[in-house]
N, C-alpha and C. Protein backbone atom coordinates (compact mmCIF):
# COMPACT_ATOMS: atom_id res chain seq x y z
N MET A 1 256.74 34.71 77.92
CA MET A 1 256.05 34.95 79.16
C MET A 1 256.62 34.00 80.21
N ARG A 2 256.95 34.51 81.35
CA ARG A 2 257.44 33.68 82.44
C ARG A 2 256.25 32.99 83.12
N LYS A 3 256.43 31.72 83.44
CA LYS A 3 255.35 30.94 84.05
C LYS A 3 254.92 31.49 85.41
N GLU A 4 255.84 32.20 86.11
CA GLU A 4 255.48 32.77 87.41
C GLU A 4 254.36 33.80 87.31
N LEU A 5 254.16 34.38 86.13
CA LEU A 5 253.09 35.36 85.95
C LEU A 5 251.70 34.76 86.17
N MET A 6 251.58 33.46 86.07
CA MET A 6 250.28 32.80 86.25
C MET A 6 249.72 33.07 87.64
N ASP A 7 250.58 33.36 88.61
CA ASP A 7 250.13 33.65 89.98
C ASP A 7 249.37 34.97 90.07
N ILE A 8 249.62 35.89 89.14
CA ILE A 8 248.98 37.20 89.24
C ILE A 8 248.04 37.53 88.08
N LEU A 9 248.05 36.74 87.01
CA LEU A 9 247.19 37.02 85.86
C LEU A 9 245.76 36.57 86.11
N ALA A 10 244.81 37.36 85.58
CA ALA A 10 243.39 37.01 85.62
C ALA A 10 242.78 37.44 84.29
N CYS A 11 241.66 36.88 83.96
CA CYS A 11 240.96 37.23 82.73
C CYS A 11 240.57 38.71 82.79
N PRO A 12 240.93 39.50 81.77
CA PRO A 12 240.58 40.92 81.78
C PRO A 12 239.08 41.18 81.63
N LEU A 13 238.34 40.21 81.11
CA LEU A 13 236.90 40.40 80.92
C LEU A 13 236.09 40.08 82.17
N CYS A 14 236.37 38.94 82.81
CA CYS A 14 235.53 38.51 83.94
C CYS A 14 236.31 38.32 85.23
N LYS A 15 237.62 38.52 85.19
CA LYS A 15 238.53 38.34 86.34
C LYS A 15 238.64 36.90 86.80
N GLY A 16 238.25 35.95 85.95
CA GLY A 16 238.36 34.53 86.26
C GLY A 16 239.80 34.04 86.15
N ASN A 17 240.04 32.83 86.62
CA ASN A 17 241.36 32.21 86.53
C ASN A 17 241.66 31.81 85.09
N LEU A 18 242.93 31.91 84.73
CA LEU A 18 243.37 31.54 83.39
C LEU A 18 244.16 30.25 83.44
N GLU A 19 243.95 29.41 82.44
CA GLU A 19 244.69 28.14 82.31
C GLU A 19 245.71 28.31 81.20
N LEU A 20 246.95 27.96 81.50
CA LEU A 20 248.05 28.07 80.54
C LEU A 20 248.13 26.83 79.67
N LYS A 21 248.17 27.04 78.35
CA LYS A 21 248.37 25.95 77.40
C LYS A 21 249.62 26.30 76.59
N VAL A 22 250.67 25.51 76.76
CA VAL A 22 251.97 25.79 76.16
C VAL A 22 252.13 25.02 74.86
N ARG A 23 252.54 25.72 73.79
CA ARG A 23 252.89 25.06 72.53
C ARG A 23 254.41 24.96 72.38
N GLU A 24 255.11 26.03 72.76
CA GLU A 24 256.57 26.05 72.67
C GLU A 24 257.12 26.79 73.88
N GLU A 25 258.17 26.21 74.48
CA GLU A 25 258.80 26.88 75.61
C GLU A 25 260.30 26.65 75.60
N GLN A 26 261.01 27.55 76.26
CA GLN A 26 262.45 27.44 76.46
C GLN A 26 262.70 27.69 77.93
N GLU A 27 263.16 26.66 78.64
CA GLU A 27 263.37 26.71 80.08
C GLU A 27 262.06 27.13 80.76
N GLU A 28 262.04 28.25 81.48
CA GLU A 28 260.81 28.69 82.17
C GLU A 28 260.02 29.72 81.37
N GLU A 29 260.41 29.96 80.11
CA GLU A 29 259.77 30.97 79.28
C GLU A 29 258.83 30.32 78.27
N VAL A 30 257.57 30.76 78.26
CA VAL A 30 256.60 30.29 77.28
C VAL A 30 256.75 31.16 76.04
N ILE A 31 257.08 30.54 74.91
CA ILE A 31 257.29 31.27 73.65
C ILE A 31 255.97 31.43 72.90
N THR A 32 255.24 30.33 72.72
CA THR A 32 253.91 30.37 72.09
C THR A 32 252.96 29.50 72.89
N GLY A 33 251.70 29.87 72.85
CA GLY A 33 250.67 29.12 73.56
C GLY A 33 249.44 29.98 73.71
N SER A 34 248.69 29.72 74.78
CA SER A 34 247.48 30.51 75.01
C SER A 34 247.10 30.46 76.49
N LEU A 35 246.27 31.42 76.85
CA LEU A 35 245.68 31.49 78.18
C LEU A 35 244.18 31.37 77.98
N HIS A 36 243.55 30.42 78.66
CA HIS A 36 242.12 30.17 78.48
C HIS A 36 241.37 30.39 79.78
N CYS A 37 240.25 31.11 79.70
CA CYS A 37 239.39 31.34 80.86
C CYS A 37 238.20 30.39 80.79
N ASP A 38 238.08 29.50 81.78
CA ASP A 38 236.95 28.56 81.81
C ASP A 38 235.64 29.27 82.16
N GLN A 39 235.73 30.40 82.83
CA GLN A 39 234.53 31.10 83.28
C GLN A 39 233.78 31.75 82.11
N CYS A 40 234.49 32.51 81.27
CA CYS A 40 233.82 33.19 80.14
C CYS A 40 234.16 32.57 78.78
N GLN A 41 235.01 31.53 78.78
CA GLN A 41 235.38 30.78 77.57
C GLN A 41 236.20 31.58 76.56
N GLU A 42 236.86 32.64 77.02
CA GLU A 42 237.72 33.42 76.12
C GLU A 42 239.13 32.86 76.13
N THR A 43 239.83 32.94 75.00
CA THR A 43 241.21 32.48 74.88
C THR A 43 242.08 33.64 74.42
N TYR A 44 243.22 33.78 75.07
CA TYR A 44 244.17 34.86 74.78
C TYR A 44 245.47 34.23 74.27
N PRO A 45 245.95 34.66 73.10
CA PRO A 45 247.16 34.05 72.52
C PRO A 45 248.44 34.55 73.20
N ILE A 46 249.46 33.70 73.18
CA ILE A 46 250.81 34.07 73.58
C ILE A 46 251.69 33.87 72.35
N GLU A 47 252.30 34.95 71.88
CA GLU A 47 253.18 34.88 70.70
C GLU A 47 254.45 35.64 70.99
N ASN A 48 255.58 35.06 70.65
CA ASN A 48 256.89 35.69 70.89
C ASN A 48 257.07 36.04 72.36
N SER A 49 256.59 35.18 73.24
CA SER A 49 256.70 35.33 74.69
C SER A 49 255.82 36.43 75.28
N ILE A 50 254.90 36.99 74.48
CA ILE A 50 254.05 38.09 74.96
C ILE A 50 252.58 37.66 74.94
N PRO A 51 251.93 37.67 76.13
CA PRO A 51 250.50 37.37 76.15
C PRO A 51 249.69 38.58 75.67
N ASN A 52 248.73 38.35 74.81
CA ASN A 52 247.85 39.40 74.30
C ASN A 52 246.55 39.34 75.11
N LEU A 53 246.45 40.18 76.12
CA LEU A 53 245.28 40.17 77.00
C LEU A 53 244.26 41.24 76.63
N LEU A 54 244.32 41.72 75.40
CA LEU A 54 243.31 42.65 74.94
C LEU A 54 241.98 41.92 74.75
N PRO A 55 240.86 42.58 75.00
CA PRO A 55 239.55 41.97 74.69
C PRO A 55 239.49 41.62 73.21
N PRO A 56 238.76 40.58 72.86
CA PRO A 56 238.72 40.10 71.47
C PRO A 56 238.38 41.17 70.44
N ASN A 57 237.50 42.11 70.76
CA ASN A 57 237.09 43.13 69.79
C ASN A 57 238.17 44.19 69.56
N LEU A 58 239.23 44.20 70.38
CA LEU A 58 240.32 45.18 70.22
C LEU A 58 241.59 44.55 69.63
N ARG A 59 241.60 43.26 69.40
CA ARG A 59 242.78 42.58 68.84
C ARG A 59 242.82 42.73 67.34
N SER A 60 244.04 42.84 66.80
CA SER A 60 244.19 42.79 65.34
C SER A 60 244.80 41.43 65.02
N ASP A 61 244.14 40.65 64.18
CA ASP A 61 244.61 39.29 63.86
C ASP A 61 245.53 39.26 62.73
């Protein structure tokens, strides 16, 4: 996921702001990490550079 996407991403559940937490990155690309919404307390994983913004009940773990 490119860090510039943070300017346009919002929580799909409540439309709140998302906070990026990076575990692994290469240059400007986030490889693994998460996006956290302080408003509704939901966390969305980033794996293989792809953020999973599906609601929790629709994700397959």
